């Protein structure tokens, strides 16, 4: 039971007393009976331990599930902490779950937990196990996460107990149920008043960065995609500007020697892309991060083989292609930002100064035409049309659409970009994207938006389009199959449909 709503506690915890309630008395009676049974059999092996121990803890866990139930169980918390270090694995799991519940939003229990060095006791008890069971680690992290939500004093105590050794061990547990509370603890501790100091420690190349590398490595293997991970990685890579350090640290020895990418790189960029796309108004992107992404994109474009047509959307399973796509989507979303005022400079303005639009037009121009145009061109010539011989193909489904979307966002409200595209002879290229493409869903919609942004308020671009002359109609198979063809009226120069049976 995770308590994700942060509740701040001002100052250091203080000791208070409260009148015992019926549920507290019931909990104390249950725990007392458990203690008596254990004191009578201190060396009973875990395999032969009486099931009454587990039954008592199960009852306490059930009582502590509600705010009313855990409100008066501070004595239960203290006794549970006392028994924790000597607990066999099964009872340790149950006691950690009990602590997790007791610490879920209960300020009194959270204070008592810190007063009794609870974070250190929990961490040491889990690390003492000969082998780490994911359920045990998960319950421990959930308990510590609930504690960290209470305030700065609590976050600092949790961090001191975990960093770096326990975090290094826990991050290696390959279980998605462990990763989510682990990322919750990391993200929570790296927020608030003292969060910047702890975040700097987490990004330290010797102590903290190996933990982040292990988190990404484990998350990529178990395909973990929860929000706590997204927020943590975005905080590290963008807000703390450690993207380049983490990206480089994810390289294996072979990757460094060959200059290639791996699945961890693709996973990191995919996670950052998802976070930016899902929370565009809640995150801030720096110029530094934007330039790093653009540089990775350009390098990936040089690595990908554009002679093999992609048959799936992202992720494709090929790291280089996935990185090409995720960086392009990051650029697309960064270029979509609405700035507070025309005088404000955003990452997109910095990217435009480094030739972003020129590079995107180059990539788009090197591709074969969209499928609708391609079918018309190859009619009667198969795939041997001269314009298709050396053209590149889309390495994943949606690549062309993402290029056009990025250009469309760059064009919005920017006359300099409108003029640049005209000077680069890119108007006709963008017009060709306003069609349906089998390998690029929504290409037509993005193409129309790009042309709209290209022409809006720009008389020079409007004039150039008005002077374009129809050279040859595009006859798609769909039109030909119903016995029609498109011709250009010699007098009006407009298109008209003609029944092929009449010619």
Protein backbone atom coordinates (compact mmCIF):
# COMPACT_ATOMS: atom_id res chain seq x y z
CA UNK A 1 0.00 0.00 0.00
CA UNK A 2 1.83 3.08 -1.26
CA UNK A 3 0.98 6.49 0.08
CA UNK A 4 2.01 8.79 -2.77
CA UNK A 5 0.65 12.08 -1.49
CA UNK A 6 3.48 13.92 0.22
CA UNK A 7 2.67 15.28 3.66
CA UNK A 8 5.21 17.73 4.99
CA UNK A 9 6.12 17.65 8.71
CA UNK A 10 7.75 20.83 9.94
CA UNK A 11 10.80 20.57 12.14
CA UNK A 12 12.20 17.52 13.90
CA UNK A 13 9.82 14.86 15.17
CA UNK A 14 8.57 15.16 18.70
CA UNK A 15 7.29 12.59 21.18
CA UNK A 16 3.60 12.72 22.02
CA UNK A 17 1.19 10.48 23.89
CA UNK A 18 -2.30 9.42 22.98
CA UNK A 19 -5.09 7.48 24.62
CA UNK A 20 -5.27 3.89 23.47
CA UNK A 21 -8.25 3.07 21.28
CA UNK A 22 -10.00 -0.30 20.95
CA UNK A 23 -8.12 -1.12 17.73
CA UNK A 24 -4.81 -0.21 19.37
CA UNK A 25 -5.61 -2.46 22.33
CA UNK A 26 -6.49 -5.28 19.97
CA UNK A 27 -3.21 -4.83 18.11
CA UNK A 28 -1.20 -4.77 21.33
CA UNK A 29 -2.88 -7.94 22.55
CA UNK A 30 -2.09 -9.71 19.29
CA UNK A 31 1.54 -8.61 19.36
CA UNK A 32 1.87 -9.57 23.03
CA UNK A 33 0.69 -13.08 22.29
CA UNK A 34 3.18 -13.31 19.45
CA UNK A 35 6.06 -12.17 21.68
CA UNK A 36 5.20 -14.74 24.36
CA UNK A 37 5.15 -17.55 21.83
CA UNK A 38 8.49 -16.48 20.35
CA UNK A 39 10.15 -16.09 23.76
CA UNK A 40 9.19 -19.66 24.58
CA UNK A 41 10.72 -20.98 21.36
CA UNK A 42 13.64 -18.68 20.54
CA UNK A 43 15.47 -21.15 18.33
CA UNK A 44 12.60 -22.72 16.44
CA UNK A 45 13.58 -23.20 12.76
CA UNK A 46 11.57 -21.17 10.26
CA UNK A 47 10.39 -24.31 8.49
CA UNK A 48 8.70 -25.65 11.64
CA UNK A 49 7.53 -22.35 13.07
CA UNK A 50 3.95 -22.25 14.30
CA UNK A 51 1.51 -20.73 11.86
CA UNK A 52 0.07 -18.66 14.73
CA UNK A 53 2.94 -16.17 14.26
CA UNK A 54 1.85 -15.51 10.72
CA UNK A 55 -1.80 -15.44 11.71
CA UNK A 56 -1.12 -12.78 14.34
CA UNK A 57 0.85 -10.64 11.90
CA UNK A 58 -1.81 -11.11 9.23
CA UNK A 59 -4.41 -9.82 11.69
CA UNK A 60 -2.26 -6.79 12.52
CA UNK A 61 -1.72 -6.10 8.83
CA UNK A 62 -5.46 -6.20 8.27
CA UNK A 63 -6.12 -3.80 11.16
CA UNK A 64 -3.49 -1.36 9.87
CA UNK A 65 -5.00 -1.14 6.40
CA UNK A 66 -7.27 1.76 7.38
CA UNK A 67 -6.37 5.17 8.86
CA UNK A 68 -8.46 4.38 11.91
CA UNK A 69 -6.73 1.05 12.38
CA UNK A 70 -3.16 2.36 12.23
CA UNK A 71 -3.79 5.60 14.07
CA UNK A 72 -3.15 4.17 17.51
CA UNK A 73 -0.65 1.39 16.81
CA UNK A 74 2.59 3.20 17.70
CA UNK A 75 3.47 0.56 20.30
CA UNK A 76 2.95 -2.13 17.69
CA UNK A 77 5.37 -0.28 15.43
CA UNK A 78 8.03 -0.10 18.14
CA UNK A 79 7.78 -3.79 19.01
CA UNK A 80 7.80 -4.77 15.34
CA UNK A 81 11.03 -2.85 14.79
CA UNK A 82 12.54 -4.59 17.81
CA UNK A 83 11.72 -8.02 16.40
CA UNK A 84 12.72 -7.21 12.82
CA UNK A 85 16.50 -7.99 12.80
CA UNK A 86 16.09 -11.58 14.06
CA UNK A 87 13.10 -12.40 11.86
CA UNK A 88 13.31 -15.31 9.42
CA UNK A 89 12.48 -14.44 5.82
CA UNK A 90 8.75 -15.19 5.94
CA UNK A 91 8.12 -13.27 9.18
CA UNK A 92 10.39 -10.47 7.98
CA UNK A 93 8.17 -10.04 4.94
CA UNK A 94 5.02 -9.87 7.07
CA UNK A 95 6.56 -7.43 9.54
CA UNK A 96 7.74 -5.19 6.72
CA UNK A 97 4.24 -5.19 5.28
CA UNK A 98 2.90 -4.25 8.68
CA UNK A 99 5.40 -1.38 8.91
CA UNK A 100 4.47 -0.29 5.40
CA UNK A 101 0.83 0.02 6.42
CA UNK A 102 1.57 1.72 9.73
CA UNK A 103 3.69 4.35 7.96
CA UNK A 104 1.16 5.15 5.23
CA UNK A 105 0.26 8.74 6.00
CA UNK A 106 0.25 8.42 9.79
CA UNK A 107 2.34 11.30 11.13
CA UNK A 108 2.69 9.89 14.64
CA UNK A 109 3.95 6.52 13.40
CA UNK A 110 6.29 8.19 10.92
CA UNK A 111 7.86 10.21 13.74
CA UNK A 112 8.15 7.13 15.95
CA UNK A 113 9.78 5.22 13.10
CA UNK A 114 12.50 7.86 12.70
CA UNK A 115 13.05 8.17 16.47
CA UNK A 116 13.79 4.44 16.65
CA UNK A 117 16.20 4.50 13.67
CA UNK A 118 13.62 2.63 11.63
CA UNK A 119 15.20 3.23 8.18
CA UNK A 120 18.54 1.80 9.27
CA UNK A 121 16.90 -1.17 10.99
CA UNK A 122 14.84 -1.99 7.90
CA UNK A 123 17.79 -1.68 5.51
CA UNK A 124 20.10 -3.77 7.70
CA UNK A 125 17.46 -6.47 8.23
CA UNK A 126 16.88 -6.91 4.51
CA UNK A 127 20.58 -6.85 3.62
CA UNK A 128 21.29 -9.53 6.22
CA UNK A 129 19.34 -12.13 4.23
CA UNK A 130 21.43 -14.70 2.39
CA UNK A 131 19.36 -14.11 -0.75
CA UNK A 132 17.08 -11.20 -1.53
CA UNK A 133 13.46 -12.11 -2.20
CA UNK A 134 11.75 -9.47 -4.37
CA UNK A 135 8.68 -9.37 -2.11
CA UNK A 136 10.83 -8.56 0.92
CA UNK A 137 12.74 -5.79 -0.86
CA UNK A 138 9.52 -4.37 -2.23
CA UNK A 139 7.84 -4.21 1.18
CA UNK A 140 10.92 -2.57 2.70
CA UNK A 141 11.07 0.08 -0.01
CA UNK A 142 7.35 0.75 0.27
CA UNK A 143 7.74 1.32 4.01
CA UNK A 144 10.67 3.66 3.47
CA UNK A 145 8.85 5.45 0.65
CA UNK A 146 5.87 6.10 2.89
CA UNK A 147 8.26 7.48 5.49
CA UNK A 148 10.05 9.75 3.01
CA UNK A 149 6.75 11.40 2.09
CA UNK A 150 6.46 12.81 5.63
CA UNK A 151 8.99 15.62 5.19
CA UNK A 152 12.61 16.68 4.87
CA UNK A 153 13.71 15.22 8.22
CA UNK A 154 12.32 11.84 7.20
CA UNK A 155 13.75 11.94 3.69
CA UNK A 156 17.19 12.65 5.07
CA UNK A 157 16.97 9.70 7.47
CA UNK A 158 15.83 7.36 4.71
CA UNK A 159 18.61 8.54 2.41
CA UNK A 160 21.28 8.10 5.08
CA UNK A 161 20.13 4.52 5.64
CA UNK A 162 20.09 3.57 1.95
CA UNK A 163 22.79 5.51 0.12
CA UNK A 164 24.81 4.11 -1.45
CA UNK A 165 25.21 0.45 -0.45
CA UNK A 166 21.58 -0.60 0.04
CA UNK A 167 20.46 1.26 -3.08
CA UNK A 168 23.16 -0.44 -5.11
CA UNK A 169 21.97 -3.85 -3.92
CA UNK A 170 18.25 -3.15 -4.29
CA UNK A 171 18.66 -1.72 -7.81
CA UNK A 172 20.04 -5.06 -8.93
CA UNK A 173 16.87 -6.98 -8.06
CA UNK A 174 15.36 -7.73 -11.45
CA UNK A 175 11.71 -7.41 -10.57
CA UNK A 176 9.28 -4.74 -11.72
CA UNK A 177 7.55 -4.88 -8.34
CA UNK A 178 10.80 -3.72 -6.72
CA UNK A 179 11.66 -1.06 -9.28
CA UNK A 180 8.54 1.03 -8.76
CA UNK A 181 8.96 1.61 -4.99
CA UNK A 182 12.72 1.97 -5.51
CA UNK A 183 12.14 4.78 -8.00
CA UNK A 184 9.52 6.25 -5.66
CA UNK A 185 12.09 6.40 -2.85
CA UNK A 186 14.78 7.87 -5.10
CA UNK A 187 12.48 10.46 -6.65
CA UNK A 188 10.97 11.47 -3.30
CA UNK A 189 14.34 11.77 -1.57
CA UNK A 190 15.69 13.85 -4.46
CA UNK A 191 12.86 16.36 -4.07
CA UNK A 192 12.00 18.92 -1.41
CA UNK A 193 14.32 21.21 0.51
CA UNK A 194 17.37 18.96 0.62
CA UNK A 195 16.61 17.15 -2.59
CA UNK A 196 19.22 18.94 -4.67
CA UNK A 197 22.05 17.77 -2.41
CA UNK A 198 20.85 14.18 -2.53
CA UNK A 199 20.33 14.39 -6.29
CA UNK A 200 23.93 15.54 -6.68
CA UNK A 201 25.04 12.53 -4.65
CA UNK A 202 22.93 10.24 -6.80
CA UNK A 203 24.61 11.66 -9.91
CA UNK A 204 28.11 11.29 -8.46
CA UNK A 205 30.15 9.29 -10.96
CA UNK A 206 31.64 6.95 -8.36
CA UNK A 207 28.89 6.52 -5.77
CA UNK A 208 25.54 7.34 -7.34
CA UNK A 209 25.82 6.92 -11.10
CA UNK A 210 26.36 3.14 -10.87
CA UNK A 211 23.00 2.95 -9.06
CA UNK A 212 21.24 4.81 -11.88
CA UNK A 213 22.95 2.63 -14.47
CA UNK A 214 21.72 -0.46 -12.65
CA UNK A 215 18.20 0.97 -12.42
CA UNK A 216 18.10 1.59 -16.18
CA UNK A 217 19.66 -1.79 -16.89
CA UNK A 218 17.15 -3.63 -14.72
CA UNK A 219 14.21 -1.57 -15.98
CA UNK A 220 15.12 -2.25 -19.61
CA UNK A 221 15.32 -5.98 -18.95
CA UNK A 222 11.94 -6.22 -17.22
CA UNK A 223 10.35 -3.56 -19.49
CA UNK A 224 9.37 -1.35 -16.57
CA UNK A 225 7.35 1.71 -17.64
CA UNK A 226 5.89 3.30 -14.50
CA UNK A 227 5.74 7.03 -13.79
CA UNK A 228 8.12 7.02 -10.83
CA UNK A 229 10.88 5.86 -13.17
CA UNK A 230 9.96 8.49 -15.77
CA UNK A 231 10.07 11.31 -13.23
CA UNK A 232 13.34 10.11 -11.74
CA UNK A 233 15.17 9.82 -15.07
CA UNK A 234 13.78 13.11 -16.33
CA UNK A 235 14.90 14.82 -13.13
CA UNK A 236 18.40 13.37 -13.48
CA UNK A 237 18.85 13.83 -17.23
CA UNK A 238 17.11 17.15 -17.80
CA UNK A 239 16.79 19.13 -14.59
CA UNK A 240 20.19 18.07 -13.28
CA UNK A 241 21.65 18.01 -16.84
CA UNK A 242 23.26 14.61 -16.38
CA UNK A 243 21.93 13.08 -19.59
CA UNK A 244 25.32 12.87 -21.28
CA UNK A 245 26.97 11.32 -18.21
CA UNK A 246 24.27 8.68 -17.77
CA UNK A 247 24.06 7.97 -21.51
CA UNK A 248 27.81 7.41 -21.71
CA UNK A 249 27.80 5.30 -18.54
CA UNK A 250 25.29 2.93 -20.14
CA UNK A 251 27.86 1.91 -22.74
CA UNK A 252 29.53 -1.45 -22.37
CA UNK A 253 33.16 -1.92 -23.33
CA UNK A 254 32.17 -3.21 -26.75
CA UNK A 255 29.83 -0.27 -27.31
CA UNK A 256 32.59 2.22 -26.57
CA UNK A 257 34.95 0.52 -29.00
CA UNK A 258 32.40 0.21 -31.80
CA UNK A 259 30.52 3.46 -31.25
CA UNK A 260 27.23 1.57 -31.33
CA UNK A 261 24.12 1.82 -29.17
CA UNK A 262 22.52 -0.79 -26.96
CA UNK A 263 19.07 -1.56 -25.59
CA UNK A 264 19.74 0.47 -22.43
CA UNK A 265 20.32 3.62 -24.49
CA UNK A 266 17.08 3.03 -26.36
CA UNK A 267 15.17 2.38 -23.13
CA UNK A 268 16.45 5.58 -21.53
CA UNK A 269 15.46 7.72 -24.51
CA UNK A 270 12.11 5.98 -24.81
CA UNK A 271 11.38 6.70 -21.15
CA UNK A 272 12.34 10.37 -21.49
CA UNK A 273 10.25 10.68 -24.65
CA UNK A 274 7.23 9.17 -22.93
CA UNK A 275 7.60 11.50 -19.95
CA UNK A 276 7.84 14.63 -22.11
CA UNK A 277 4.94 13.53 -24.29
CA UNK A 278 2.67 12.68 -21.33
CA UNK A 279 3.54 15.72 -19.19
CA UNK A 280 4.38 18.61 -21.54
CA UNK A 281 3.24 21.28 -19.07
CA UNK A 282 4.87 19.77 -16.00
CA UNK A 283 8.48 19.52 -17.15
CA UNK A 284 11.09 21.99 -18.32
CA UNK A 285 13.65 21.21 -21.01
CA UNK A 286 17.04 22.89 -21.08
CA UNK A 287 19.01 23.96 -24.14
CA UNK A 288 21.78 21.59 -23.11
CA UNK A 289 19.49 18.57 -23.11
CA UNK A 290 17.96 19.58 -26.44
CA UNK A 291 21.37 19.78 -28.09
CA UNK A 292 22.45 16.43 -26.65
CA UNK A 293 19.31 14.82 -28.08
CA UNK A 294 19.89 16.41 -31.49
CA UNK A 295 23.49 15.21 -31.56
CA UNK A 296 22.46 11.67 -30.68
CA UNK A 297 19.79 11.83 -33.39
CA UNK A 298 22.30 12.88 -36.05
CA UNK A 299 24.68 10.13 -35.03
CA UNK A 300 21.90 7.54 -35.09
CA UNK A 301 20.91 8.70 -38.59
CA UNK A 302 24.43 7.88 -39.73
CA UNK A 303 24.26 4.45 -38.10
CA UNK A 304 20.86 3.19 -39.27
CA UNK A 305 20.56 1.16 -42.45
CA UNK A 306 17.95 2.95 -44.57
CA UNK A 307 17.79 0.21 -47.21
CA UNK A 308 15.58 -2.09 -45.12
CA UNK A 309 11.94 -1.04 -44.81
CA UNK A 310 10.67 -1.15 -41.25
CA UNK A 311 7.68 -3.35 -40.53
CA UNK A 312 6.83 -2.23 -36.99
CA UNK A 313 6.43 1.00 -35.01
CA UNK A 314 8.66 1.91 -32.08
CA UNK A 315 10.12 0.05 -30.33
CA UNK A 316 11.47 -2.15 -33.12
CA UNK A 317 14.00 -4.08 -31.07
CA UNK A 318 16.91 -2.57 -32.99
CA UNK A 319 18.64 -0.07 -30.65
CA UNK A 320 19.91 2.25 -33.38
CA UNK A 321 16.49 2.52 -35.05
CA UNK A 322 14.72 2.99 -31.72
CA UNK A 323 17.16 5.73 -30.74
CA UNK A 324 16.63 7.42 -34.11
CA UNK A 325 12.88 7.40 -33.50
CA UNK A 326 12.85 8.36 -29.82
CA UNK A 327 15.22 11.28 -30.33
CA UNK A 328 13.08 12.47 -33.24
CA UNK A 329 9.96 12.29 -31.08
CA UNK A 330 11.74 14.18 -28.30
CA UNK A 331 12.67 16.88 -30.81
CA UNK A 332 9.08 16.94 -32.08
CA UNK A 333 7.68 17.49 -28.60
CA UNK A 334 10.32 20.05 -27.63
CA UNK A 335 9.48 22.01 -30.77
CA UNK A 336 5.78 21.95 -29.85
CA UNK A 337 6.21 24.05 -26.72
CA UNK A 338 4.10 27.16 -26.44
CA UNK A 339 6.34 29.94 -25.15
CA UNK A 340 4.93 32.50 -22.67
CA UNK A 341 5.79 35.44 -24.93
CA UNK A 342 7.41 36.09 -28.33
CA UNK A 343 10.47 37.47 -26.55
CA UNK A 344 11.03 34.21 -24.66
CA UNK A 345 13.68 31.89 -26.07
CA UNK A 346 13.06 28.16 -25.83
CA UNK A 347 15.14 25.09 -26.69
CA UNK A 348 13.68 25.03 -30.19
CA UNK A 349 15.13 28.47 -30.93
CA UNK A 350 18.54 27.24 -29.88
CA UNK A 351 18.15 24.13 -32.03
CA UNK A 352 17.11 26.16 -35.06
CA UNK A 353 20.36 28.07 -34.87
CA UNK A 354 22.28 24.81 -35.23
CA UNK A 355 20.55 23.78 -38.48
CA UNK A 356 17.70 21.61 -37.21
CA UNK A 357 15.28 22.40 -40.05
CA UNK A 358 17.92 21.99 -42.74
CA UNK A 359 18.83 18.58 -41.33
CA UNK A 360 15.21 17.44 -41.11
CA UNK A 361 14.51 18.52 -44.70
CA UNK A 362 17.59 16.63 -45.81
CA UNK A 363 16.38 13.44 -44.15
CA UNK A 364 12.89 13.88 -45.60
CA UNK A 365 14.18 14.61 -49.09
CA UNK A 366 16.32 11.47 -49.12
CA UNK A 367 13.30 9.23 -48.51
CA UNK A 368 11.31 7.59 -51.26
CA UNK A 369 7.95 9.31 -51.90
CA UNK A 370 4.90 8.35 -49.81
CA UNK A 371 3.17 5.13 -50.84
CA UNK A 372 0.32 6.90 -52.65
CA UNK A 373 2.72 8.80 -54.91
CA UNK A 374 5.04 5.82 -55.19
CA UNK A 375 2.29 3.58 -56.54
CA UNK A 376 1.43 6.10 -59.22
CA UNK A 377 5.07 6.56 -60.22
CA UNK A 378 5.75 2.85 -60.48
CA UNK A 379 2.66 2.06 -62.55
CA UNK A 380 3.86 0.30 -65.65
CA UNK A 381 7.48 0.35 -64.45
CA UNK A 382 7.28 -1.81 -61.34
CA UNK A 383 9.74 -0.55 -58.75
CA UNK A 384 12.28 0.47 -61.39
CA UNK A 385 11.27 4.11 -61.61
CA UNK A 386 14.48 6.21 -61.71
CA UNK A 387 13.36 8.31 -58.75
CA UNK A 388 13.06 5.21 -56.56
CA UNK A 389 16.38 3.54 -57.32
CA UNK A 390 18.57 5.25 -54.71
CA UNK A 391 15.89 6.50 -52.35
CA UNK A 392 15.98 5.56 -48.68
CA UNK A 393 13.08 3.81 -46.95
CA UNK A 394 11.50 4.36 -43.55
CA UNK A 395 13.31 2.21 -40.95
CA UNK A 396 10.22 2.08 -38.73
CA UNK A 397 6.52 2.68 -39.23
CA UNK A 398 5.94 6.36 -38.57
CA UNK A 399 9.42 7.71 -39.33
CA UNK A 400 8.29 10.02 -42.17
CA UNK A 401 5.35 11.22 -40.08
CA UNK A 402 7.65 12.09 -37.18
CA UNK A 403 9.94 14.07 -39.49
CA UNK A 404 7.00 16.04 -40.90
CA UNK A 405 5.54 16.56 -37.41
CA UNK A 406 8.82 17.99 -36.15
CA UNK A 407 9.03 20.36 -39.13
CA UNK A 408 5.39 21.39 -38.64
CA UNK A 409 6.06 22.30 -35.01
CA UNK A 410 9.18 24.25 -35.94
CA UNK A 411 7.15 26.25 -38.47
CA UNK A 412 4.46 27.34 -36.04
CA UNK A 413 4.63 31.13 -35.63
CA UNK A 414 8.20 31.39 -36.94
CA UNK A 415 8.61 33.40 -40.13
CA UNK A 416 12.35 32.73 -40.19
CA UNK A 417 11.65 29.02 -40.48
CA UNK A 418 9.02 29.64 -43.16
CA UNK A 419 11.54 31.63 -45.19
CA UNK A 420 14.30 29.10 -44.58
CA UNK A 421 12.20 26.27 -46.00
CA UNK A 422 11.39 28.32 -49.10
CA UNK A 423 15.07 29.15 -49.63
CA UNK A 424 15.96 25.47 -49.22
CA UNK A 425 13.38 24.56 -51.92
CA UNK A 426 11.38 22.62 -49.37
CA UNK A 427 7.87 23.85 -50.18
CA UNK A 428 7.14 21.24 -52.83
CA UNK A 429 8.63 18.53 -50.61
CA UNK A 430 6.19 19.41 -47.82
CA UNK A 431 3.26 19.51 -50.24
CA UNK A 432 4.09 15.93 -51.22
CA UNK A 433 3.52 14.83 -47.62
CA UNK A 434 -0.19 15.75 -47.68
CA UNK A 435 -1.19 12.27 -48.78
CA UNK A 436 -2.01 8.93 -47.21
CA UNK A 437 0.98 6.68 -46.60
CA UNK A 438 0.54 3.04 -45.61
CA UNK A 439 3.70 3.06 -43.49
CA UNK A 440 3.04 6.38 -41.78
CA UNK A 441 -0.29 6.74 -39.97
CA UNK A 442 -1.56 10.34 -39.83
CA UNK A 443 1.03 11.56 -42.34
CA UNK A 444 -1.65 13.44 -44.28
CA UNK A 445 -2.83 15.29 -41.17
CA UNK A 446 0.69 16.31 -40.16
CA UNK A 447 1.46 17.28 -43.75
CA UNK A 448 -1.56 19.56 -43.92
CA UNK A 449 -0.59 21.16 -40.60
CA UNK A 450 2.95 21.71 -41.86
CA UNK A 451 1.68 23.42 -45.02
CA UNK A 452 -0.75 25.53 -42.99
CA UNK A 453 2.08 26.70 -40.73
CA UNK A 454 4.28 27.22 -43.77
CA UNK A 455 1.82 29.59 -45.46
CA UNK A 456 0.29 31.37 -42.48
CA UNK A 457 1.12 35.08 -42.70
CA UNK A 458 3.85 34.54 -45.30
CA UNK A 459 3.03 36.16 -48.64
CA UNK A 460 6.23 34.96 -50.31
CA UNK A 461 5.39 31.32 -49.63
CA UNK A 462 1.78 31.82 -50.67
CA UNK A 463 2.91 33.35 -53.94
CA UNK A 464 5.32 30.52 -54.67
CA UNK A 465 2.60 27.92 -54.22
CA UNK A 466 0.16 29.87 -56.38
CA UNK A 467 2.70 29.83 -59.20
CA UNK A 468 3.15 26.08 -59.12
CA UNK A 469 1.85 24.42 -62.26
CA UNK A 470 0.34 20.97 -62.45
CA UNK A 471 2.71 18.79 -64.44
CA UNK A 472 1.14 15.36 -64.24
CA UNK A 473 -1.79 13.91 -62.30
CA UNK A 474 -1.27 11.17 -59.75
CA UNK A 475 -3.37 8.14 -60.64
CA UNK A 476 -3.69 5.88 -57.65
CA UNK A 477 -4.57 2.17 -57.95
CA UNK A 478 -7.78 2.87 -56.04
CA UNK A 479 -8.95 5.26 -58.78
CA UNK A 480 -7.80 3.01 -61.62
CA UNK A 481 -9.53 -0.04 -60.15
CA UNK A 482 -12.95 1.60 -60.43
CA UNK A 483 -12.43 2.51 -64.08
CA UNK A 484 -11.44 6.15 -63.66
CA UNK A 485 -8.36 8.24 -64.32
CA UNK A 486 -7.29 11.79 -63.58
CA UNK A 487 -6.56 14.23 -66.39
CA UNK A 488 -5.61 17.90 -66.55
CA UNK A 489 -8.05 20.08 -68.43
CA UNK A 490 -6.02 21.81 -71.16
CA UNK A 491 -8.00 25.04 -70.91
CA UNK A 492 -8.55 25.47 -67.16
CA UNK A 493 -5.47 23.48 -66.01
CA UNK A 494 -7.69 21.91 -63.39
CA UNK A 495 -8.01 18.23 -62.59
CA UNK A 496 -10.94 16.17 -63.80
CA UNK A 497 -12.00 12.55 -63.49
CA UNK A 498 -12.48 10.66 -66.76
CA UNK A 499 -14.07 7.25 -67.29
CA UNK A 500 -11.43 5.03 -68.88
CA UNK A 501 -14.07 3.20 -70.93
CA UNK A 502 -14.73 6.44 -72.85
CA UNK A 503 -11.12 6.83 -73.99
